[in-house]
């Protein structure tokens, strides 16, 4: 399961059963940690999730700013809560790429806002899957 973790939303993507492609499935509107984790647990069960891939918004110069540190804290929380492997994936420019895809699809601004986080999550997961596939 790929996650694009933000302060207001969590974009969620899952891979196909063979682990070749990623598909955005949902944008969780963050309320509080208990509800966020509860929804992730439901999705984890529904999609038989084996691991998490959390996008880390590393600065362009390679440093970790406040958003990256928050994403890393969330990744650690997932490790503690779900007892599954959690991988951290550099997500630099993922939202920019997602926006470009949605613009090319000619979606309205409102529709882009509704789906951009799950598109970003799918790009994070797809990058992870591609890298993993190259190592096998």
C-alpha atoms as a PDB file:
ATOM      1  CA  UNK A   1       0.000   0.000   0.000  1.00  0.00           C
ATOM      2  CA  UNK A   2       1.407   3.354  -1.026  1.00  0.00           C
ATOM      3  CA  UNK A   3       0.668   6.429   1.070  1.00  0.00           C
ATOM      4  CA  UNK A   4       1.018  10.127   0.347  1.00  0.00           C
ATOM      5  CA  UNK A   5       0.727  11.495   3.883  1.00  0.00           C
ATOM      6  CA  UNK A   6      -0.238  15.130   4.327  1.00  0.00           C
ATOM      7  CA  UNK A   7      -1.552  17.204   7.189  1.00  0.00           C
ATOM      8  CA  UNK A   8      -5.140  17.196   5.858  1.00  0.00           C
ATOM      9  CA  UNK A   9      -5.281  14.061   3.719  1.00  0.00           C
ATOM     10  CA  UNK A  10      -3.685  10.693   3.098  1.00  0.00           C
ATOM     11  CA  UNK A  11      -3.616   9.508  -0.496  1.00  0.00           C
ATOM     12  CA  UNK A  12      -3.852   5.720  -0.722  1.00  0.00           C
ATOM     13  CA  UNK A  13      -2.809   3.375  -3.523  1.00  0.00           C
ATOM     14  CA  UNK A  14      -2.502  -0.391  -3.774  1.00  0.00           C
ATOM     15  CA  UNK A  15      -0.730  -2.686  -6.164  1.00  0.00           C
ATOM     16  CA  UNK A  16      -2.157  -5.496  -8.221  1.00  0.00           C
ATOM     17  CA  UNK A  17      -1.694  -8.988  -6.696  1.00  0.00           C
ATOM     18  CA  UNK A  18       1.584  -9.576  -8.593  1.00  0.00           C
ATOM     19  CA  UNK A  19       3.048  -6.229  -7.567  1.00  0.00           C
ATOM     20  CA  UNK A  20       3.482  -4.760 -11.042  1.00  0.00           C
ATOM     21  CA  UNK A  21       1.146  -1.773 -11.131  1.00  0.00           C
ATOM     22  CA  UNK A  22      -0.215   0.724  -8.644  1.00  0.00           C
ATOM     23  CA  UNK A  23      -3.705   2.170  -8.552  1.00  0.00           C
ATOM     24  CA  UNK A  24      -4.968   5.042  -6.408  1.00  0.00           C
ATOM     25  CA  UNK A  25      -7.983   3.940  -4.415  1.00  0.00           C
ATOM     26  CA  UNK A  26      -8.892   6.612  -1.883  1.00  0.00           C
ATOM     27  CA  UNK A  27      -8.139   9.928  -0.246  1.00  0.00           C
ATOM     28  CA  UNK A  28      -8.602   9.766   3.501  1.00  0.00           C
ATOM     29  CA  UNK A  29      -9.647  13.102   4.995  1.00  0.00           C
ATOM     30  CA  UNK A  30      -7.644  13.262   8.202  1.00  0.00           C
ATOM     31  CA  UNK A  31      -9.656  13.768  11.363  1.00  0.00           C
ATOM     32  CA  UNK A  32      -7.600  12.311  14.188  1.00  0.00           C
ATOM     33  CA  UNK A  33      -5.002   9.599  14.490  1.00  0.00           C
ATOM     34  CA  UNK A  34      -7.416   6.964  15.798  1.00  0.00           C
ATOM     35  CA  UNK A  35      -9.801   7.387  12.849  1.00  0.00           C
ATOM     36  CA  UNK A  36      -6.946   7.635  10.322  1.00  0.00           C
ATOM     37  CA  UNK A  37      -5.410   4.379  11.542  1.00  0.00           C
ATOM     38  CA  UNK A  38      -8.810   2.704  11.732  1.00  0.00           C
ATOM     39  CA  UNK A  39      -9.497   3.472   8.063  1.00  0.00           C
ATOM     40  CA  UNK A  40      -6.022   2.286   7.080  1.00  0.00           C
ATOM     41  CA  UNK A  41      -6.635  -0.942   9.005  1.00  0.00           C
ATOM     42  CA  UNK A  42      -9.901  -1.482   7.081  1.00  0.00           C
ATOM     43  CA  UNK A  43      -8.150  -0.911   3.751  1.00  0.00           C
ATOM     44  CA  UNK A  44      -5.228  -3.092   4.820  1.00  0.00           C
ATOM     45  CA  UNK A  45      -7.627  -5.960   5.475  1.00  0.00           C
ATOM     46  CA  UNK A  46      -9.709  -5.381   2.339  1.00  0.00           C
ATOM     47  CA  UNK A  47      -6.669  -5.289   0.035  1.00  0.00           C
ATOM     48  CA  UNK A  48      -4.574  -7.864   1.941  1.00  0.00           C
ATOM     49  CA  UNK A  49      -1.723  -5.410   2.391  1.00  0.00           C
ATOM     50  CA  UNK A  50       1.682  -6.956   3.073  1.00  0.00           C
ATOM     51  CA  UNK A  51       3.669  -3.732   3.467  1.00  0.00           C
ATOM     52  CA  UNK A  52       3.422   0.047   3.345  1.00  0.00           C
ATOM     53  CA  UNK A  53       5.351   2.494   1.181  1.00  0.00           C
ATOM     54  CA  UNK A  54       5.271   6.000   2.636  1.00  0.00           C
ATOM     55  CA  UNK A  55       6.274   8.952   0.492  1.00  0.00           C
ATOM     56  CA  UNK A  56       8.844  11.182   2.172  1.00  0.00           C
ATOM     57  CA  UNK A  57       8.917  14.768   0.827  1.00  0.00           C
ATOM     58  CA  UNK A  58      12.684  15.250   0.913  1.00  0.00           C
ATOM     59  CA  UNK A  59      13.873  18.742   0.025  1.00  0.00           C
ATOM     60  CA  UNK A  60      15.432  19.225  -3.403  1.00  0.00           C
ATOM     61  CA  UNK A  61      18.862  19.533  -1.749  1.00  0.00           C
ATOM     62  CA  UNK A  62      18.403  16.141  -0.057  1.00  0.00           C
ATOM     63  CA  UNK A  63      17.655  17.417   3.445  1.00  0.00           C
ATOM     64  CA  UNK A  64      14.695  16.491   5.628  1.00  0.00           C
ATOM     65  CA  UNK A  65      12.404  19.392   6.451  1.00  0.00           C
ATOM     66  CA  UNK A  66       9.413  19.441   8.828  1.00  0.00           C
ATOM     67  CA  UNK A  67       7.076  17.705   6.338  1.00  0.00           C
ATOM     68  CA  UNK A  68       9.597  14.908   5.746  1.00  0.00           C
ATOM     69  CA  UNK A  69      10.113  14.437   9.478  1.00  0.00           C
ATOM     70  CA  UNK A  70       6.346  14.242   9.997  1.00  0.00           C
ATOM     71  CA  UNK A  71       6.018  11.633   7.232  1.00  0.00           C
ATOM     72  CA  UNK A  72       8.843   9.628   8.824  1.00  0.00           C
ATOM     73  CA  UNK A  73       7.077   9.788  12.214  1.00  0.00           C
ATOM     74  CA  UNK A  74       3.910   8.509  10.537  1.00  0.00           C
ATOM     75  CA  UNK A  75       5.906   5.676   8.926  1.00  0.00           C
ATOM     76  CA  UNK A  76       7.217   4.670  12.347  1.00  0.00           C
ATOM     77  CA  UNK A  77       3.693   4.787  13.756  1.00  0.00           C
ATOM     78  CA  UNK A  78       2.591   2.371  11.007  1.00  0.00           C
ATOM     79  CA  UNK A  79       5.443   0.007  11.917  1.00  0.00           C
ATOM     80  CA  UNK A  80       4.406   0.062  15.557  1.00  0.00           C
ATOM     81  CA  UNK A  81       0.663  -0.189  14.922  1.00  0.00           C
ATOM     82  CA  UNK A  82       0.409  -2.755  12.115  1.00  0.00           C
ATOM     83  CA  UNK A  83       3.484  -4.952  12.477  1.00  0.00           C
ATOM     84  CA  UNK A  84       4.147  -4.823   8.721  1.00  0.00           C
ATOM     85  CA  UNK A  85       7.246  -3.697   6.836  1.00  0.00           C
ATOM     86  CA  UNK A  86       7.196   0.032   6.082  1.00  0.00           C
ATOM     87  CA  UNK A  87       9.411   1.433   3.344  1.00  0.00           C
ATOM     88  CA  UNK A  88      10.161   5.114   2.943  1.00  0.00           C
ATOM     89  CA  UNK A  89      10.214   6.348  -0.658  1.00  0.00           C
ATOM     90  CA  UNK A  90      11.593   9.686  -1.832  1.00  0.00           C
ATOM     91  CA  UNK A  91       8.590  11.516  -3.233  1.00  0.00           C
ATOM     92  CA  UNK A  92      10.274  14.632  -4.606  1.00  0.00           C
ATOM     93  CA  UNK A  93       8.214  16.089  -7.465  1.00  0.00           C
ATOM     94  CA  UNK A  94       5.516  13.405  -7.149  1.00  0.00           C
ATOM     95  CA  UNK A  95       2.740  15.952  -6.651  1.00  0.00           C
ATOM     96  CA  UNK A  96       4.048  17.952  -9.614  1.00  0.00           C
ATOM     97  CA  UNK A  97       3.940  14.802 -11.767  1.00  0.00           C
ATOM     98  CA  UNK A  98       0.444  13.969 -10.490  1.00  0.00           C
ATOM     99  CA  UNK A  99      -0.759  17.484 -11.328  1.00  0.00           C
ATOM    100  CA  UNK A 100       0.663  17.160 -14.847  1.00  0.00           C
ATOM    101  CA  UNK A 101      -1.111  13.828 -15.380  1.00  0.00           C
ATOM    102  CA  UNK A 102      -4.409  15.305 -14.198  1.00  0.00           C
ATOM    103  CA  UNK A 103      -3.998  18.408 -16.371  1.00  0.00           C
ATOM    104  CA  UNK A 104      -3.326  16.198 -19.391  1.00  0.00           C
ATOM    105  CA  UNK A 105      -6.503  14.292 -18.538  1.00  0.00           C
ATOM    106  CA  UNK A 106      -8.306  17.658 -18.736  1.00  0.00           C
ATOM    107  CA  UNK A 107      -9.830  17.388 -15.265  1.00  0.00           C
ATOM    108  CA  UNK A 108     -11.366  20.458 -13.675  1.00  0.00           C
ATOM    109  CA  UNK A 109      -9.487  22.187 -10.856  1.00  0.00           C
ATOM    110  CA  UNK A 110     -12.042  20.915  -8.336  1.00  0.00           C
ATOM    111  CA  UNK A 111     -11.746  17.308  -9.564  1.00  0.00           C
ATOM    112  CA  UNK A 112      -7.933  17.545  -9.540  1.00  0.00           C
ATOM    113  CA  UNK A 113      -8.019  18.645  -5.891  1.00  0.00           C
ATOM    114  CA  UNK A 114     -10.195  15.640  -5.051  1.00  0.00           C
ATOM    115  CA  UNK A 115      -7.896  13.024  -6.586  1.00  0.00           C
ATOM    116  CA  UNK A 116      -4.364  14.427  -6.646  1.00  0.00           C
ATOM    117  CA  UNK A 117      -3.319  12.752  -3.383  1.00  0.00           C
ATOM    118  CA  UNK A 118      -4.297   9.270  -4.522  1.00  0.00           C
ATOM    119  CA  UNK A 119      -2.577   9.843  -7.877  1.00  0.00           C
ATOM    120  CA  UNK A 120       0.552  10.931  -5.979  1.00  0.00           C
ATOM    121  CA  UNK A 121       0.257   7.796  -3.787  1.00  0.00           C
ATOM    122  CA  UNK A 122       0.052   5.624  -6.900  1.00  0.00           C
ATOM    123  CA  UNK A 123       3.186   7.294  -8.324  1.00  0.00           C
ATOM    124  CA  UNK A 124       5.042   6.712  -5.030  1.00  0.00           C
ATOM    125  CA  UNK A 125       4.018   3.052  -5.024  1.00  0.00           C
ATOM    126  CA  UNK A 126       4.741   2.600  -8.742  1.00  0.00           C
ATOM    127  CA  UNK A 127       8.266   3.969  -8.266  1.00  0.00           C
ATOM    128  CA  UNK A 128       8.824   1.550  -5.385  1.00  0.00           C
ATOM    129  CA  UNK A 129       7.489  -1.400  -7.397  1.00  0.00           C
ATOM    130  CA  UNK A 130       9.659  -0.522 -10.398  1.00  0.00           C
ATOM    131  CA  UNK A 131      12.777  -0.302  -8.254  1.00  0.00           C
ATOM    132  CA  UNK A 132      11.961  -3.565  -6.529  1.00  0.00           C
ATOM    133  CA  UNK A 133      11.287  -5.238  -9.880  1.00  0.00           C
ATOM    134  CA  UNK A 134      14.703  -4.182 -11.127  1.00  0.00           C
ATOM    135  CA  UNK A 135      16.352  -5.871  -8.137  1.00  0.00           C
ATOM    136  CA  UNK A 136      14.685  -9.261  -8.598  1.00  0.00           C
END
